[in-house]
Protein backbone atom coordinates (compact mmCIF):
# COMPACT_ATOMS: atom_id res chain seq x y z
CA MET A 1 236.08 45.84 95.02
CA ALA A 2 236.37 49.20 93.12
CA ARG A 3 235.02 47.51 89.96
CA GLY A 4 231.93 46.27 91.89
CA VAL A 5 231.21 49.73 93.23
CA ARG A 6 231.42 51.22 89.70
CA TRP A 7 228.86 48.67 88.37
CA ALA A 8 226.44 49.38 91.22
CA ALA A 9 226.65 53.12 90.57
CA LEU A 10 226.00 52.58 86.85
CA VAL A 11 222.87 50.52 87.59
CA LEU A 12 221.49 53.26 89.87
CA VAL A 13 222.08 55.93 87.22
CA LEU A 14 220.31 53.90 84.53
CA ALA A 15 217.33 53.24 86.82
CA GLY A 16 216.99 56.94 87.53
CA LEU A 17 217.01 57.75 83.82
CA VAL A 18 214.24 55.21 83.16
CA VAL A 19 212.01 56.65 85.91
CA ALA A 20 212.63 60.19 84.70
CA GLY A 21 211.79 59.22 81.16
CA LEU A 22 208.48 57.60 82.22
CA ARG A 23 207.28 60.82 83.89
CA PHE A 24 207.41 62.62 80.56
CA LEU A 25 205.76 59.98 78.40
CA PRO A 26 202.68 61.32 76.68
CA GLU A 27 199.40 60.09 78.26
CA ARG A 28 197.63 57.44 76.20
CA LYS A 29 193.96 58.00 75.63
CA PRO A 30 191.51 55.11 75.14
CA THR A 31 190.61 54.52 71.50
CA GLY A 32 187.37 52.74 72.27
CA THR A 33 188.65 49.50 70.71
CA GLU A 34 190.83 48.40 73.60
CA GLU A 35 189.55 46.10 76.31
CA ALA A 36 189.28 47.64 79.75
CA THR A 37 192.01 46.47 82.07
CA GLY A 38 190.54 47.88 85.33
CA PRO A 39 187.67 46.47 87.38
CA PRO A 40 184.16 47.26 86.10
CA ALA A 41 182.41 50.24 87.68
CA ALA A 42 179.73 49.50 90.27
CA THR A 43 176.23 50.60 89.31
CA ALA A 44 172.87 51.21 90.98
CA VAL A 45 169.36 51.75 89.71
CA VAL A 46 167.42 54.97 90.32
CA THR A 47 164.37 54.01 92.40
CA ARG A 48 161.13 55.76 93.26
CA THR A 49 160.46 55.37 96.96
CA ASP A 50 159.53 57.04 100.26
CA LEU A 51 162.54 58.41 102.14
CA SER A 52 162.46 58.97 105.87
CA THR A 53 165.06 60.12 108.33
CA THR A 54 165.29 58.13 111.53
CA ARG A 55 166.99 58.70 114.83
CA THR A 56 167.51 56.40 117.78
CA VAL A 57 166.74 57.70 121.26
CA SER A 58 166.80 56.16 124.71
CA GLY A 59 163.52 55.11 126.29
CA GLU A 60 162.28 53.40 129.42
CA LEU A 61 160.02 50.37 129.47
CA GLY A 62 157.54 50.44 132.33
CA TYR A 63 153.95 51.39 133.05
CA GLY A 64 154.11 54.98 131.92
CA THR A 65 154.44 58.27 133.75
CA PRO A 66 152.82 58.11 137.22
CA GLN A 67 150.01 60.51 138.12
CA GLU A 68 149.08 61.59 141.63
CA LEU A 69 145.59 60.86 142.92
CA GLU A 70 143.87 62.92 145.61
CA GLY A 71 140.86 61.91 147.68
CA GLY A 72 137.92 63.70 149.28
CA ALA A 73 137.74 65.37 152.68
CA GLY A 74 138.19 62.99 155.58
CA THR A 75 140.82 60.69 157.04
CA VAL A 76 142.63 57.86 155.28
CA THR A 77 141.92 54.56 157.05
CA TRP A 78 143.21 52.05 154.45
CA LEU A 79 145.40 52.03 151.35
CA PRO A 80 146.21 49.25 148.85
CA LYS A 81 149.68 47.81 148.49
CA GLN A 82 152.21 49.19 146.07
CA GLY A 83 151.91 47.35 142.77
CA ALA A 84 148.24 46.48 143.32
CA VAL A 85 145.85 46.71 140.34
CA VAL A 86 142.45 48.28 141.06
CA LYS A 87 139.53 47.62 138.71
CA ARG A 88 136.09 49.14 138.27
CA GLY A 89 134.00 48.94 141.44
CA GLN A 90 136.92 47.95 143.67
CA PRO A 91 138.03 50.26 146.51
CA VAL A 92 140.95 52.55 145.77
CA TYR A 93 141.23 53.48 149.45
CA ARG A 94 139.01 53.84 152.54
CA ARG A 95 138.02 57.25 153.87
CA ASP A 96 136.60 57.43 157.39
CA ASP A 97 136.49 53.62 157.13
CA ARG A 98 134.19 53.69 154.10
CA PRO A 99 135.39 52.25 150.80
CA VAL A 100 135.90 54.67 147.92
CA PRO A 101 135.47 52.61 144.74
CA LEU A 102 136.89 53.20 141.29
CA PHE A 103 134.61 54.35 138.47
CA TYR A 104 135.85 54.56 134.90
CA GLY A 105 135.30 57.86 133.12
CA ARG A 106 136.60 61.27 132.08
CA THR A 107 134.41 63.58 134.17
CA PRO A 108 134.94 63.58 137.93
CA LEU A 109 131.98 64.00 140.24
CA PHE A 110 131.93 67.71 141.04
CA ARG A 111 128.53 68.09 142.80
CA PRO A 112 126.14 66.01 144.87
CA LEU A 113 123.88 63.91 142.64
CA ASP A 114 121.01 64.18 145.09
CA ARG A 115 117.75 64.55 143.16
CA ALA A 116 115.88 63.45 140.08
CA GLY A 117 116.23 65.58 136.96
CA LEU A 118 119.92 66.44 137.25
CA VAL A 119 121.58 66.33 133.84
CA GLY A 120 125.28 66.15 132.97
CA ARG A 121 128.32 64.15 132.01
CA ASP A 122 128.99 63.33 135.66
CA VAL A 123 125.60 61.60 135.79
CA ARG A 124 126.58 59.65 132.67
CA VAL A 125 129.62 58.32 134.52
CA VAL A 126 127.34 56.89 137.21
CA VAL A 127 124.97 55.38 134.62
CA ASP A 128 127.76 53.71 132.64
CA ASN A 129 129.54 52.29 135.67
CA LEU A 130 126.46 50.91 137.41
CA ARG A 131 125.41 49.23 134.17
CA ALA A 132 128.89 47.76 133.73
CA LEU A 133 128.70 46.44 137.31
CA GLY A 134 125.43 44.67 136.52
CA TYR A 135 122.83 47.08 137.92
CA ARG A 136 119.66 47.91 135.99
CA THR A 137 119.40 51.67 135.71
CA GLY A 138 116.36 51.92 133.45
CA ASP A 139 116.10 53.83 130.18
CA GLN A 140 117.88 57.14 129.75
CA PRO A 141 116.24 60.09 127.92
CA LEU A 142 117.53 60.48 124.37
CA PRO A 143 119.66 63.52 123.42
CA GLY A 144 117.42 66.42 122.51
CA SER A 145 114.59 65.37 124.80
CA PRO A 146 113.70 67.16 128.05
CA ALA A 147 114.80 65.64 131.35
CA GLU A 148 111.94 64.98 133.72
CA PRO A 149 110.96 66.43 136.08
CA ALA A 150 113.21 69.45 135.37
CA PRO A 151 112.79 71.05 131.91
CA LEU A 152 116.47 70.64 130.99
CA LYS A 153 117.61 69.59 127.53
CA VAL A 154 119.73 66.43 127.26
CA HIS A 155 122.85 66.71 125.10
CA ALA A 156 125.00 63.94 123.63
CA GLY A 157 127.17 62.44 126.39
CA ASP A 158 124.81 63.52 129.20
CA GLY A 159 123.14 61.30 131.74
CA VAL A 160 119.95 62.03 133.67
CA MET A 161 119.22 61.26 137.31
CA THR A 162 116.00 59.34 136.77
CA ARG A 163 114.04 57.60 139.50
CA SER A 164 115.20 54.25 138.11
CA LEU A 165 118.83 55.39 138.33
CA ILE A 166 118.35 56.56 141.94
CA ALA A 167 116.91 53.14 142.81
CA ALA A 168 119.96 51.50 141.20
CA VAL A 169 122.27 53.73 143.24
CA LYS A 170 120.54 52.58 146.44
CA ARG A 171 120.97 48.90 145.52
CA TRP A 172 124.62 49.48 144.74
CA GLN A 173 125.17 51.33 148.03
CA THR A 174 123.58 48.50 149.98
CA ASP A 175 125.81 45.92 148.29
CA HIS A 176 128.79 48.19 148.90
CA GLY A 177 128.20 48.43 152.62
CA VAL A 178 127.31 52.12 152.85
CA PRO A 179 123.97 53.80 153.73
CA ALA A 180 121.48 53.49 150.86
CA THR A 181 120.68 57.18 150.45
CA GLY A 182 120.47 57.23 146.67
CA VAL A 183 122.85 60.20 146.73
CA ILE A 184 126.41 60.15 145.38
CA ALA A 185 128.60 63.07 146.45
CA PRO A 186 132.07 64.15 145.28
CA GLY A 187 134.63 61.92 146.99
CA ASP A 188 132.24 58.96 147.29
CA VAL A 189 133.87 57.44 144.21
CA LEU A 190 137.17 58.06 142.45
CA VAL A 191 136.86 58.56 138.69
CA HIS A 192 139.78 57.47 136.50
CA SER A 193 140.17 56.67 132.80
CA GLY A 194 140.46 52.92 133.44
CA LYS A 195 141.87 50.34 135.78
CA LEU A 196 144.97 51.56 137.56
CA ARG A 197 148.16 50.26 139.08
CA VAL A 198 149.51 51.67 142.34
CA ALA A 199 153.04 52.80 141.51
CA ALA A 200 153.80 54.39 144.89
CA LEU A 201 152.02 55.32 148.10
CA ILE A 202 152.26 58.94 149.21
CA ALA A 203 149.87 59.10 152.17
CA ARG A 204 149.42 56.66 155.03
CA PRO A 205 146.49 55.74 157.27
CA GLY A 206 145.61 58.49 159.71
CA ARG A 207 146.51 61.31 157.35
CA PRO A 208 143.96 63.67 155.70
CA SER A 209 142.52 62.14 152.55
CA ASP A 210 142.08 65.41 150.60
CA ALA A 211 145.82 65.41 149.79
CA PRO A 212 147.86 63.30 147.33
CA LEU A 213 147.26 59.68 148.28
CA MET A 214 149.26 57.68 145.76
CA ALA A 215 150.93 57.74 142.37
CA VAL A 216 149.21 55.54 139.81
CA THR A 217 149.79 54.36 136.25
CA GLY A 218 147.92 52.31 133.72
CA THR A 219 148.29 48.55 133.75
CA ALA A 220 149.69 48.12 130.22
CA LYS A 221 153.43 48.19 129.71
CA VAL A 222 154.58 51.12 127.59
CA VAL A 223 157.79 52.84 126.61
CA THR A 224 158.31 56.47 127.54
CA VAL A 225 160.75 58.66 125.63
CA GLN A 226 161.93 62.14 126.52
CA LEU A 227 162.35 64.08 123.26
CA ASP A 228 163.77 67.56 122.85
CA ALA A 229 160.87 69.93 122.32
CA GLY A 230 162.25 70.88 118.90
CA ASP A 231 162.20 67.24 117.75
CA SER A 232 158.82 66.22 119.12
CA GLY A 233 156.98 68.28 116.51
CA SER A 234 157.75 65.66 113.85
CA VAL A 235 156.25 62.84 115.94
CA ARG A 236 152.53 62.13 115.66
CA ARG A 237 150.13 59.85 117.47
CA GLY A 238 149.83 56.62 115.51
CA ASP A 239 153.36 56.80 114.05
CA ALA A 240 155.03 53.40 113.75
CA VAL A 241 158.34 53.00 115.60
CA ARG A 242 160.73 50.16 116.40
CA VAL A 243 161.91 49.32 119.90
CA THR A 244 165.16 47.45 120.57
CA LEU A 245 164.80 45.43 123.77
CA PRO A 246 167.62 44.63 126.22
CA ASP A 247 168.12 41.16 124.65
CA GLY A 248 168.57 42.70 121.19
CA ASP A 249 165.16 41.72 119.86
CA VAL A 250 163.33 44.40 117.87
CA ALA A 251 159.60 44.93 118.55
CA LYS A 252 157.13 46.94 116.50
CA ALA A 253 155.24 49.68 118.33
CA LYS A 254 153.12 52.79 117.82
CA VAL A 255 153.11 56.25 119.37
CA THR A 256 150.04 56.56 121.61
CA SER A 257 150.57 60.07 122.96
CA VAL A 258 152.82 63.10 122.54
CA GLY A 259 153.09 65.48 125.47
CA THR A 260 152.05 69.08 125.01
CA THR A 261 154.14 70.47 127.86
CA ALA A 262 157.93 70.84 127.65
CA ARG A 263 159.99 70.71 130.85
CA ALA A 264 163.70 70.97 131.57
CA PRO A 265 165.27 67.62 132.56
CA GLU A 266 165.52 67.08 136.31
CA GLY A 267 169.01 67.24 137.73
CA GLY A 268 170.42 69.15 134.76
CA ASP A 269 172.65 72.20 134.81
CA GLY A 270 170.06 74.43 133.15
CA THR A 271 171.57 74.32 129.66
CA GLU A 272 169.57 71.35 128.36
CA GLN A 273 166.65 71.83 125.99
CA PRO A 274 163.16 71.39 127.43
CA ARG A 275 161.73 67.96 126.68
CA THR A 276 158.32 66.45 126.07
CA THR A 277 157.19 62.94 126.97
CA VAL A 278 156.28 60.59 124.14
CA THR A 279 154.52 57.34 125.01
CA VAL A 280 154.88 54.25 122.83
CA LYS A 281 152.87 51.02 123.06
CA LEU A 282 154.21 47.71 121.78
CA ASP A 283 152.11 45.87 119.20
CA ASP A 284 152.81 42.59 121.02
CA SER A 285 152.82 42.99 124.79
CA GLY A 286 153.96 39.38 125.13
CA ALA A 287 157.40 40.42 123.94
CA VAL A 288 158.00 42.08 127.33
CA SER A 289 155.88 39.83 129.56
CA ARG A 290 158.89 38.95 131.71
CA LEU A 291 160.10 42.51 132.14
CA THR A 292 158.79 45.05 134.63
CA ALA A 293 161.18 47.89 133.77
CA ALA A 294 164.17 48.16 131.47
CA PRO A 295 166.08 50.66 129.33
CA VAL A 296 165.36 50.34 125.61
CA GLN A 297 166.26 52.06 122.34
CA VAL A 298 163.52 53.58 120.18
CA GLU A 299 163.92 54.28 116.47
CA VAL A 300 161.81 57.33 115.69
CA THR A 301 160.93 58.52 112.19
CA GLY A 302 161.64 62.16 111.46
CA GLU A 303 161.14 63.95 108.14
CA THR A 304 159.51 61.93 105.35
CA ARG A 305 159.54 62.59 101.60
CA PRO A 306 157.04 60.37 99.78
CA ASP A 307 157.36 59.14 96.16
CA VAL A 308 160.76 60.62 95.27
CA LEU A 309 163.64 59.46 93.06
CA ALA A 310 166.60 58.22 95.07
CA VAL A 311 170.12 56.89 94.49
CA PRO A 312 172.87 55.70 96.85
CA VAL A 313 174.84 58.58 98.33
CA GLY A 314 177.94 57.05 96.73
CA ALA A 315 176.54 57.90 93.29
CA LEU A 316 176.94 61.63 93.90
CA LEU A 317 179.90 63.38 92.24
CA ALA A 318 180.95 66.80 93.50
CA LEU A 319 181.37 69.35 90.68
CA LEU A 320 184.22 71.86 90.65
CA GLU A 321 181.79 74.70 90.05
CA GLY A 322 179.65 73.50 92.96
CA GLY A 323 176.70 71.16 93.29
CA TYR A 324 176.47 67.50 92.38
CA ALA A 325 176.04 65.23 89.39
CA VAL A 326 175.54 61.54 88.73
CA GLN A 327 177.18 59.46 86.01
CA ILE A 328 174.73 57.61 83.77
CA ALA A 329 176.14 54.12 83.15
CA GLY A 330 177.73 54.29 79.70
CA GLY A 331 176.67 57.91 79.32
CA ALA A 332 177.31 61.46 80.40
CA LEU A 333 177.32 63.32 83.70
CA VAL A 334 173.91 64.66 84.72
CA PRO A 335 173.74 67.59 87.17
CA VAL A 336 171.21 66.91 89.93
CA ASP A 337 169.43 68.73 92.71
CA THR A 338 169.59 66.87 96.00
CA GLY A 339 166.92 66.67 98.68
CA LEU A 340 166.60 64.46 101.75
CA PHE A 341 169.48 62.19 102.82
CA ALA A 342 168.31 59.04 104.64
CA ASP A 343 169.66 55.52 105.26
CA GLY A 344 172.52 55.85 102.77
CA ARG A 345 170.30 57.16 99.97
CA VAL A 346 169.59 60.65 98.70
CA GLU A 347 166.66 62.26 96.93
CA VAL A 348 167.67 63.52 93.46
CA SER A 349 166.13 65.20 90.45
CA GLY A 350 167.68 66.14 87.13
CA PRO A 351 167.29 66.03 83.35
CA GLY A 352 166.92 62.50 82.01
CA LEU A 353 166.70 60.93 85.46
CA ASP A 354 163.81 58.55 85.95
CA GLU A 355 162.95 55.34 87.72
CA GLY A 356 164.99 52.44 86.38
CA VAL A 357 167.92 54.47 85.01
CA THR A 358 171.30 52.92 85.89
CA VAL A 359 174.01 55.17 87.36
CA VAL A 360 177.60 54.62 88.40
CA THR A 361 178.24 54.47 92.12
CA ALA A 362 181.14 53.88 94.47
CA SER A 363 181.71 50.18 95.12
């Protein structure tokens, strides 16, 4: 037993001496003639490309942000159902039991159109809508010409109350079931940018009609995103974005509007940044034909650097004196200036770097 213990102790001593001796062996340097025994270094090619940062934010698929509609003086006697779609010429509601139809346009009626010779954009709304509804309104004076009988000059976008237009108004009023006076007053029609969808009813029959009647939206499905005011400055109308739907499918879309007013989020504690509303329209509306409302994810492009040299981030080597370099495959280290980081790549510039150069990168 004692002899076995002595042999075990001797083996341990010898092993310790071997390890100690290895720590002090001089380091061997490659001679250039030996074959590499380690795995080959991974490489990447310097490319010239457009780099863009992206961020993913939450959005809501629906019909857009509702807007409140008000009517003219009188009493509400009928309202459409929630979810109803109202088109040009159809009644939006009834006031004093007379239908108030929808006209498409940008300029609301702000005065009685009650005589020949009146000129303005509100008259143009009447001209365009009656023509679209199939009524012959006669020729309109060209821009720059005087409006008869009043000596008023017609500007681009104006309409003129001609005798032919007044006659068309009377025919339309007769078909619409109201007295054919040839006069259209504010509140006789409701002017909106296009067909509308009733999102919610605010008033009810018997209430005054010169108050908010309903909340309406457009009829096309859109995605609305609430962006921090500081981030919305990098988003522009027409920007391409990608929308991830609830089933995981990704749909292409474009920004159609960026809000100009920033508001604090409702229900917050007052510490949140003000936000603006960004509206996005899908390129293919059929992708969401079965959905009425749903949460979605929107990939928004931020800063963009066009036509820059880029390498994988893993190609960057931190220098002891500060800054970064890249290792040319089979060559020397090249100090580089870095720019935008995006999608695992980084913008670089440095001596000898050009498109097509191969650099070493992390595997």
